[in-house]
Every structure is written in structure tokens, then in C-alpha cells.
Amino acid sequence: MSRRPTLNLPPDAPLFFSARQAEALQVGWSRLSGPAGHRQLRGIYRTRAVDAPAGATDPAEVHAALLRALQWAPGEGKDIASHESAAFLWGCPDVAAPDSVHLTSIAGDRRRGLPGTTGHRGKVLPTEVVERDGVVLTNPARTWLDLAATAWEDQLVVWGDWLVHPVWGGDWDAVPFTTPKDLELLLTHHRGRPGIRRARAALDRVRVGSDSPRETLLRLALVDAGLPEPAVNLPIRDAQGRIIHQGDLVYEEFRTTLEYEGRHHSDPDQVARDIARHEALAAHDWLELRFSARHAQDNWRPAIRKVRQGLRSRGWHGRTPTHMQLEVSYHLHQPGTLPGRLVVNRLVP
């Protein structure tokens, strides 16, 4: 059985390259168009490294390499990575590698007829375009606004919380991608664009300090259920003013803190720290309510019920609305796509 011929590229060749880049790699057109060529898109070719077994190549690097090659293709300088592609490259929570490469033409005309790409057009300010790892793309704030055209509001709040809070990156000294004030200014520059109303509504609910998407969604669910809005990442102090804990979501008036515990809380050392935290809070007359993924089921109803009971035990006299309410749920996205279908289930008292 004969083996397929190869392009004999140098070891440092990019995962994808354009016909223009092929000249620099000393790969002639005859070899690209022959059996050795591995065509990905029109005018874009790939190396064998992309054909490695799943998991052997970082999906983000594959997507970035394809975008770099596209930006070397004819029309160089006119197309920038945007929307889902930019969100994925920035590491936006819950955004998988999109099936299609998203490009926005800053020349005003949408790229058409290129399989494997999705073209967009619209006003893009020079300050909204940056370069990251060799890819020219929209900055995080502009990417958030672009996603508002198709994303549901709660997801926009999650992404907004991520943008304005650096701790999600694990570095307490890091600078956040943007600030709520800068996001508000961004919206004033793009009045009338698709999703602008949804973006404004989401921005009103963005808070600095949320450590994870689940914490954000829990906060939104509680407020939507008529409960008071908890403070985010609030220091809890003893009588001498010393910080005994940094609460995820805190009702200071009712001395109640909500802690969302992800998978890492099953680690033995973390379990020991959690127990010590619980004992310290109890010693200072604080109620700690702990939550996990199971509390997110049924549109967070178990969490809502738990918080309502906890607050009432601490003197909250708020009442559950007695009027009929719509119970809704979101159909979550498939990998590589954005969520966005709202389904009305039934009326509940």
C-alpha cells in the first residue's frame, strides 16, 4: 500500500498556512495542489499535526492557527476574529471551539463564499481591535457585545462578571479585562446594533467579585425568585474587625453566607479547610449555606428553597409572591454553539 506524499514542511511550520505563507515555506503551488496537499479551506492548508489523535493538539491553538492563516490569505488586514471565535480564544466561560471560524470585516463588506467561516460586518472602532498570539481579534469587551446578538441574558451576565473580575484567572494581582464603567461607555458607541438592549439589561446585573459562572447564576436565580440580592465576595469580620472569611454570596444583615462548592471541594485538604471555615463562622453566629451542582437542578429551585428557609430563620420577613408566575427553562447549547432558546413550561402558583 503506497503512502500519501507529504509536503516536507520544516518542524516549526504553522498548523495552518495560506498559499502566500507557503512561498515563505518554499512550498510551490504544484505541491500544494497535488496529493501531498492538505486543504482545509479555500486557500488555506494544514500540516499533518492537525490530524493527530484527539487531545494531542490544544483546540485553542488549532483555532488560533487557522485564524492566523486566514488573516494571511487574500484580503489581509480586512478581517478580524470576532464573536464565538474571539470568545473562545479569550477563554470565555462555557464557550467551546466553534465549528465555524467567525470573522468580521473591518472594511465594511462581509466575506462571503468561504466554507468553514461565518462572516459578520459592523462598525468596529480601532480601540476594539487587538492582537493576541498573532491573531487580530476583537477585544474582550467588544466580543461580549457581539455575543449579545444571540446569547441569552443570564449568559451575558456570567461573561460580564468574568470580564470585570480578575480572580477567575487565578491571579489576585491581575487587571480585569474591563470595568462596568467601560462596558457602559462601549454601549453608548454602538446604539441600535443587534442585541444592544439585551446587553444593557445584562450590564445592569453585572457585579464585580463573582468567582465562577455557577455563583453568578445562583445569584441571578435568587433575585429572580424575589429574594434579596446577596453581596458578592464580601469579607466577613469578627467583633475586632478581623477577616474570618471571604464569602461567595453574603447577606450581611442576616449574617448568612452562601458558598458554592465545585469539584475541588472533594479534595481531603479542602474538606478540612471547609470544616474549619464552617466552625469559625458558626462561632461568630454566622449561618453558612453550602451548595453544589445538585442545587442547580430544576432552574435552581432547591437552592432557592434552601436560601428562603435560611433567611427566614435569620429574621427575614419577605414573602414569596402569591401571583401566578411563569416557570421557564433554558435549553443549553450544544458544543460550539451559544445557548438561546427560552421555553415556557407551565404556570405555577
Protein backbone atom coordinates (compact mmCIF):
# COMPACT_ATOMS: atom_id res chain seq x y z
CA MET A 1 0.00 0.00 0.00
CA SER A 2 1.54 3.33 -1.08
CA ARG A 3 1.84 6.12 1.44
CA ARG A 4 0.43 9.54 0.73
CA PRO A 5 3.22 12.00 -0.16
CA THR A 6 3.97 14.79 2.29
CA LEU A 7 4.81 18.45 1.89
CA ASN A 8 8.10 18.03 3.82
CA LEU A 9 7.49 21.15 5.87
CA PRO A 10 10.01 22.39 8.44
CA PRO A 11 9.34 21.33 12.07
CA ASP A 12 8.35 24.86 13.05
CA ALA A 13 5.77 25.22 10.28
CA PRO A 14 2.39 26.54 11.50
CA LEU A 15 -0.56 24.17 11.85
CA PHE A 16 -2.32 26.05 9.05
CA PHE A 17 -0.88 28.28 6.37
CA SER A 18 -2.10 30.26 3.41
CA ALA A 19 -0.84 30.00 -0.14
CA ARG A 20 1.05 33.23 0.50
CA GLN A 21 2.77 31.72 3.55
CA ALA A 22 3.61 28.61 1.52
CA GLU A 23 6.00 30.69 -0.55
CA ALA A 24 7.98 31.54 2.59
CA LEU A 25 7.99 27.83 3.47
CA GLN A 26 9.34 27.09 -0.04
CA VAL A 27 6.30 25.01 -0.91
CA GLY A 28 5.31 25.50 -4.54
CA TRP A 29 1.77 25.56 -5.91
CA SER A 30 2.27 22.24 -7.67
CA ARG A 31 2.90 20.52 -4.34
CA LEU A 32 0.00 22.28 -2.60
CA SER A 33 -2.48 21.32 -5.32
CA GLY A 34 -1.14 17.78 -5.62
CA PRO A 35 -1.79 14.68 -3.50
CA ALA A 36 0.56 15.95 -0.77
CA GLY A 37 -1.59 19.00 -0.12
CA HIS A 38 -3.96 19.01 2.87
CA ARG A 39 -6.56 21.63 2.04
CA GLN A 40 -8.59 22.96 4.97
CA LEU A 41 -10.43 25.88 3.36
CA ARG A 42 -10.12 27.63 0.06
CA GLY A 43 -6.57 28.98 0.00
CA ILE A 44 -5.77 27.51 3.43
CA TYR A 45 -3.76 24.31 4.01
CA ARG A 46 -2.94 22.28 7.07
CA THR A 47 0.00 20.27 8.30
CA ARG A 48 -0.24 16.69 9.46
CA ALA A 49 -0.04 17.88 13.09
CA VAL A 50 -3.71 18.81 12.92
CA ASP A 51 -4.58 15.22 12.05
CA ALA A 52 -3.12 13.95 15.34
CA PRO A 53 -5.40 11.95 17.69
CA ALA A 54 -8.00 13.94 19.61
CA GLY A 55 -6.45 15.61 22.65
CA ALA A 56 -2.94 15.66 21.20
CA THR A 57 -3.36 19.23 19.97
CA ASP A 58 -4.81 22.10 22.01
CA PRO A 59 -8.17 23.11 20.41
CA ALA A 60 -7.48 26.77 21.19
CA GLU A 61 -4.14 26.62 19.39
CA VAL A 62 -5.73 24.87 16.40
CA HIS A 63 -8.41 27.56 16.17
CA ALA A 64 -5.86 30.35 16.59
CA ALA A 65 -3.59 28.84 13.93
CA LEU A 66 -6.47 28.66 11.46
CA LEU A 67 -7.31 32.30 12.14
CA ARG A 68 -3.69 33.35 11.67
CA ALA A 69 -3.63 31.61 8.30
CA LEU A 70 -6.92 33.21 7.25
CA GLN A 71 -5.57 36.64 8.10
CA TRP A 72 -2.59 35.94 5.82
CA ALA A 73 -4.91 34.99 2.99
CA PRO A 74 -6.01 37.45 0.25
CA GLY A 75 -7.77 40.39 1.89
CA GLU A 76 -5.17 40.51 4.66
CA GLY A 77 -5.86 43.25 7.17
CA LYS A 78 -9.60 43.45 6.47
CA ASP A 79 -10.90 40.53 8.55
CA ILE A 80 -10.58 40.11 12.30
CA ALA A 81 -11.59 37.22 14.54
CA SER A 82 -14.80 38.00 16.38
CA HIS A 83 -17.93 36.62 18.05
CA GLU A 84 -17.63 32.95 19.13
CA SER A 85 -14.09 32.63 17.75
CA ALA A 86 -12.83 35.61 19.75
CA ALA A 87 -14.74 34.45 22.85
CA PHE A 88 -13.14 31.01 22.64
CA LEU A 89 -9.64 32.43 22.22
CA TRP A 90 -10.09 34.77 25.19
CA GLY A 91 -11.13 31.80 27.34
CA CYS A 92 -14.70 32.94 27.89
CA PRO A 93 -16.50 30.57 30.32
CA ASP A 94 -18.68 27.88 28.73
CA VAL A 95 -17.61 28.70 25.16
CA ALA A 96 -16.31 25.69 23.22
CA ALA A 97 -14.34 25.76 19.99
CA PRO A 98 -16.87 26.84 17.35
CA ASP A 99 -17.42 24.67 14.29
CA SER A 100 -17.10 27.73 12.09
CA VAL A 101 -14.45 30.45 12.15
CA HIS A 102 -16.11 33.82 12.86
CA LEU A 103 -14.68 36.84 11.07
CA THR A 104 -15.74 40.47 10.99
CA SER A 105 -14.75 42.61 8.03
CA ILE A 106 -13.49 45.97 9.22
CA ALA A 107 -13.60 47.14 5.60
CA GLY A 108 -17.38 47.02 5.79
CA ASP A 109 -18.05 44.13 3.40
CA ARG A 110 -18.83 40.71 4.75
CA ARG A 111 -16.59 37.93 3.48
CA ARG A 112 -18.74 35.53 1.50
CA GLY A 113 -18.40 32.15 -0.11
CA LEU A 114 -15.63 30.76 2.10
CA PRO A 115 -16.74 27.40 3.51
CA GLY A 116 -15.99 26.90 7.19
CA THR A 117 -16.28 30.58 8.06
CA THR A 118 -19.09 32.81 9.28
CA GLY A 119 -18.85 36.42 8.15
CA HIS A 120 -20.04 39.46 10.07
CA ARG A 121 -19.96 43.17 9.43
CA GLY A 122 -20.48 46.27 11.51
CA LYS A 123 -18.71 49.26 12.96
CA VAL A 124 -15.55 48.25 14.79
CA LEU A 125 -13.57 51.02 16.46
CA PRO A 126 -9.75 50.89 16.34
CA THR A 127 -9.67 50.68 20.15
CA GLU A 128 -11.77 47.49 19.97
CA VAL A 129 -9.18 45.55 17.95
CA VAL A 130 -6.10 43.92 19.47
CA GLU A 131 -3.53 41.27 18.59
CA ARG A 132 -3.16 38.16 20.74
CA ASP A 133 -0.70 35.37 19.90
CA GLY A 134 -0.51 36.55 16.32
CA VAL A 135 -4.29 36.71 15.85
CA VAL A 136 -6.02 40.03 15.21
CA LEU A 137 -9.34 39.92 17.07
CA THR A 138 -11.92 41.98 18.91
CA ASN A 139 -11.01 42.86 22.48
CA PRO A 140 -12.92 41.11 25.31
CA ALA A 141 -15.43 43.92 25.85
CA ARG A 142 -16.34 44.20 22.17
CA THR A 143 -16.53 40.42 21.94
CA TRP A 144 -19.06 40.46 24.80
CA LEU A 145 -21.17 42.99 22.90
CA ASP A 146 -21.02 40.93 19.70
CA LEU A 147 -22.25 37.86 21.58
CA ALA A 148 -25.26 39.82 22.85
CA ALA A 149 -26.90 39.43 19.45
CA THR A 150 -27.53 35.71 20.06
CA ALA A 151 -26.80 34.88 23.72
CA TRP A 152 -29.40 34.81 26.46
CA GLU A 153 -29.25 37.48 29.15
CA ASP A 154 -28.07 35.34 32.06
CA GLN A 155 -25.15 34.05 29.99
CA LEU A 156 -24.20 37.64 29.17
CA VAL A 157 -24.18 38.42 32.89
CA VAL A 158 -21.89 35.43 33.50
CA TRP A 159 -19.49 36.66 30.84
CA GLY A 160 -19.77 40.22 32.15
CA ASP A 161 -18.89 39.10 35.68
CA TRP A 162 -15.89 37.25 34.23
CA LEU A 163 -14.73 40.32 32.33
CA VAL A 164 -14.74 42.66 35.31
CA HIS A 165 -13.19 40.29 37.87
CA PRO A 166 -9.55 39.12 37.56
CA VAL A 167 -9.68 36.37 40.20
CA TRP A 168 -11.15 33.87 37.75
CA GLY A 169 -7.69 33.85 36.14
CA GLY A 170 -6.16 32.78 39.45
CA ASP A 171 -4.00 35.89 39.85
CA TRP A 172 -5.14 38.31 42.54
CA ASP A 173 -2.78 40.99 41.19
CA ALA A 174 -4.15 40.76 37.66
CA VAL A 175 -6.00 43.59 36.00
CA PRO A 176 -9.55 42.74 34.86
CA PHE A 177 -10.30 42.70 31.15
CA THR A 178 -12.55 45.72 31.58
CA THR A 179 -14.74 47.57 34.08
CA PRO A 180 -18.50 48.09 34.32
CA LYS A 181 -17.96 51.77 33.52
CA ASP A 182 -16.03 50.92 30.36
CA LEU A 183 -18.72 48.45 29.30
CA GLU A 184 -21.32 51.17 29.74
CA LEU A 185 -19.23 53.52 27.61
CA LEU A 186 -18.90 50.80 24.96
CA LEU A 187 -22.68 50.54 24.67
CA THR A 188 -23.01 54.27 24.05
CA HIS A 189 -20.79 53.88 20.97
CA HIS A 190 -22.99 51.20 19.42
CA ARG A 191 -26.58 52.32 19.78
CA GLY A 192 -29.04 50.43 17.63
CA ARG A 193 -26.89 47.37 16.94
CA PRO A 194 -28.37 43.85 17.35
CA GLY A 195 -28.51 42.76 20.98
CA ILE A 196 -27.88 46.21 22.45
CA ARG A 197 -30.98 46.12 24.66
CA ARG A 198 -30.07 42.68 25.95
CA ALA A 199 -26.54 43.89 26.64
CA ARG A 200 -27.85 46.88 28.61
CA ALA A 201 -30.14 44.67 30.68
CA ALA A 202 -27.27 42.25 31.37
CA LEU A 203 -24.87 45.03 32.32
CA ASP A 204 -27.30 46.26 34.97
CA ARG A 205 -26.85 42.86 36.66
CA VAL A 206 -23.08 42.51 36.29
CA ARG A 207 -21.22 42.60 39.64
CA VAL A 208 -17.52 42.75 40.44
CA GLY A 209 -16.26 39.83 42.52
CA SER A 210 -18.05 36.70 41.32
CA ASP A 211 -15.62 33.79 41.29
CA SER A 212 -17.40 31.40 38.93
CA PRO A 213 -20.28 31.07 36.48
CA ARG A 214 -22.24 28.99 38.99
CA GLU A 215 -22.02 31.69 41.62
CA THR A 216 -23.32 34.23 39.13
CA LEU A 217 -26.21 32.02 38.04
CA LEU A 218 -27.12 31.28 41.66
CA ARG A 219 -27.22 35.00 42.44
CA LEU A 220 -29.43 35.70 39.43
CA ALA A 221 -31.79 32.85 40.29
CA LEU A 222 -32.26 34.12 43.85
CA VAL A 223 -33.09 37.65 42.71
CA ASP A 224 -35.44 36.38 40.01
CA ALA A 225 -37.24 34.38 42.71
CA GLY A 226 -37.91 37.52 44.73
CA LEU A 227 -35.17 37.06 47.33
CA PRO A 228 -32.83 39.88 48.33
CA GLU A 229 -29.67 40.23 46.26
CA PRO A 230 -26.62 39.00 48.16
CA ALA A 231 -23.34 40.91 48.20
CA VAL A 232 -20.56 39.33 46.15
CA ASN A 233 -17.24 38.25 47.70
CA LEU A 234 -17.81 40.23 50.88
CA PRO A 235 -15.28 39.97 53.75
CA ILE A 236 -16.83 38.59 56.94
CA ARG A 237 -15.27 40.06 60.07
CA ASP A 238 -15.25 39.26 63.76
CA ALA A 239 -16.02 41.75 66.53
CA GLN A 240 -12.46 43.08 66.34
CA GLY A 241 -12.71 43.72 62.60
CA ARG A 242 -10.50 40.81 61.59
CA ILE A 243 -11.49 38.96 58.42
CA ILE A 244 -12.53 35.39 59.20
CA HIS A 245 -13.79 34.52 55.72
CA GLN A 246 -14.41 35.95 52.26
CA GLY A 247 -17.96 34.88 51.50
CA ASP A 248 -19.04 33.91 47.98
CA LEU A 249 -22.51 35.46 48.34
CA VAL A 250 -23.30 37.25 51.59
CA TYR A 251 -26.42 38.56 53.34
CA GLU A 252 -24.65 40.70 55.93
CA GLU A 253 -27.88 41.94 57.52
CA PHE A 254 -28.94 38.37 58.23
CA ARG A 255 -25.43 37.05 58.99
CA THR A 256 -25.80 34.43 56.29
CA THR A 257 -23.23 33.39 53.70
CA LEU A 258 -23.75 31.18 50.66
CA GLU A 259 -20.86 29.02 49.47
CA TYR A 260 -20.90 27.28 46.10
CA GLU A 261 -18.62 24.26 46.17
CA GLY A 262 -17.21 22.86 42.96
CA ARG A 263 -15.48 19.54 42.41
CA HIS A 264 -12.24 20.66 44.07
CA HIS A 265 -14.06 20.72 47.41
CA SER A 266 -13.87 16.90 47.48
CA ASP A 267 -10.10 17.09 47.98
CA PRO A 268 -9.25 15.95 51.56
CA ASP A 269 -7.25 19.09 52.35
CA GLN A 270 -10.05 21.28 51.01
CA VAL A 271 -12.61 19.34 53.05
CA ALA A 272 -10.57 20.07 56.18
CA ARG A 273 -10.43 23.77 55.31
CA ASP A 274 -14.18 23.81 54.66
CA ILE A 275 -14.87 22.28 58.08
CA ALA A 276 -12.62 24.81 59.79
CA ARG A 277 -14.36 27.62 57.93
CA HIS A 278 -17.79 26.35 58.94
CA GLU A 279 -16.76 26.11 62.60
CA ALA A 280 -15.27 29.62 62.57
CA LEU A 281 -18.41 31.11 61.05
CA ALA A 282 -20.69 29.29 63.49
CA ALA A 283 -18.58 30.52 66.41
CA HIS A 284 -19.32 34.08 65.29
CA ASP A 285 -23.06 33.44 64.84
CA TRP A 286 -22.96 33.21 61.04
CA LEU A 287 -25.17 30.80 59.12
CA GLU A 288 -23.35 29.08 56.27
CA LEU A 289 -25.41 27.56 53.45
CA ARG A 290 -23.47 25.30 51.10
CA PHE A 291 -24.43 24.48 47.52
CA SER A 292 -23.34 22.08 44.81
CA ALA A 293 -24.39 21.17 41.28
CA ARG A 294 -27.49 19.34 42.52
CA HIS A 295 -28.90 22.63 43.82
CA ALA A 296 -28.87 23.97 40.25
CA GLN A 297 -31.41 21.39 39.11
CA ASP A 298 -34.94 22.42 38.14
CA ASN A 299 -33.94 26.04 37.49
CA TRP A 300 -32.19 26.32 40.89
CA ARG A 301 -35.39 25.55 42.82
CA PRO A 302 -33.55 23.50 45.53
CA ALA A 303 -31.17 26.42 46.10
CA ILE A 304 -33.97 28.98 46.19
CA ARG A 305 -35.90 26.92 48.72
CA LYS A 306 -32.80 26.48 50.89
CA VAL A 307 -31.93 30.19 50.91
CA ARG A 308 -35.51 31.25 51.60
CA GLN A 309 -35.67 28.94 54.63
CA GLY A 310 -32.26 30.07 55.84
CA LEU A 311 -33.09 33.76 55.62
CA ARG A 312 -36.39 33.29 57.40
CA SER A 313 -34.58 31.53 60.22
CA ARG A 314 -32.48 34.68 60.48
CA GLY A 315 -35.34 37.14 60.63
CA TRP A 316 -36.13 37.88 57.00
CA HIS A 317 -39.85 38.57 56.66
CA GLY A 318 -40.08 38.74 52.90
CA ARG A 319 -42.92 36.87 51.29
CA THR A 320 -42.99 34.62 48.29
CA PRO A 321 -45.05 36.28 45.52
CA THR A 322 -48.58 34.86 45.54
CA HIS A 323 -49.44 35.81 41.97
CA MET A 324 -49.08 33.29 39.19
CA GLN A 325 -45.60 33.15 37.73
CA LEU A 326 -44.23 31.70 34.53
CA GLU A 327 -41.83 28.85 35.10
CA VAL A 328 -39.18 28.90 32.40
CA SER A 329 -36.10 26.94 31.48
CA TYR A 330 -33.25 27.42 29.07
CA HIS A 331 -32.24 24.76 26.59
CA LEU A 332 -28.48 24.72 26.94
CA HIS A 333 -26.18 24.93 23.97
CA GLN A 334 -24.53 22.12 22.11
CA PRO A 335 -20.72 22.18 21.97
CA GLY A 336 -19.52 25.02 19.79
CA THR A 337 -22.78 26.96 19.83
CA LEU A 338 -24.38 29.53 22.07
CA PRO A 339 -27.45 28.86 24.22
CA GLY A 340 -30.52 30.83 23.49
CA ARG A 341 -33.89 29.04 23.40
CA LEU A 342 -36.31 30.03 26.13
CA VAL A 343 -39.06 27.52 26.90
CA VAL A 344 -42.18 28.24 28.95
CA ASN A 345 -43.05 25.10 30.89
CA ARG A 346 -46.17 25.88 32.87
CA LEU A 347 -47.83 28.32 35.24
CA VAL A 348 -47.04 27.79 38.90
CA PRO A 349 -48.54 29.47 41.97
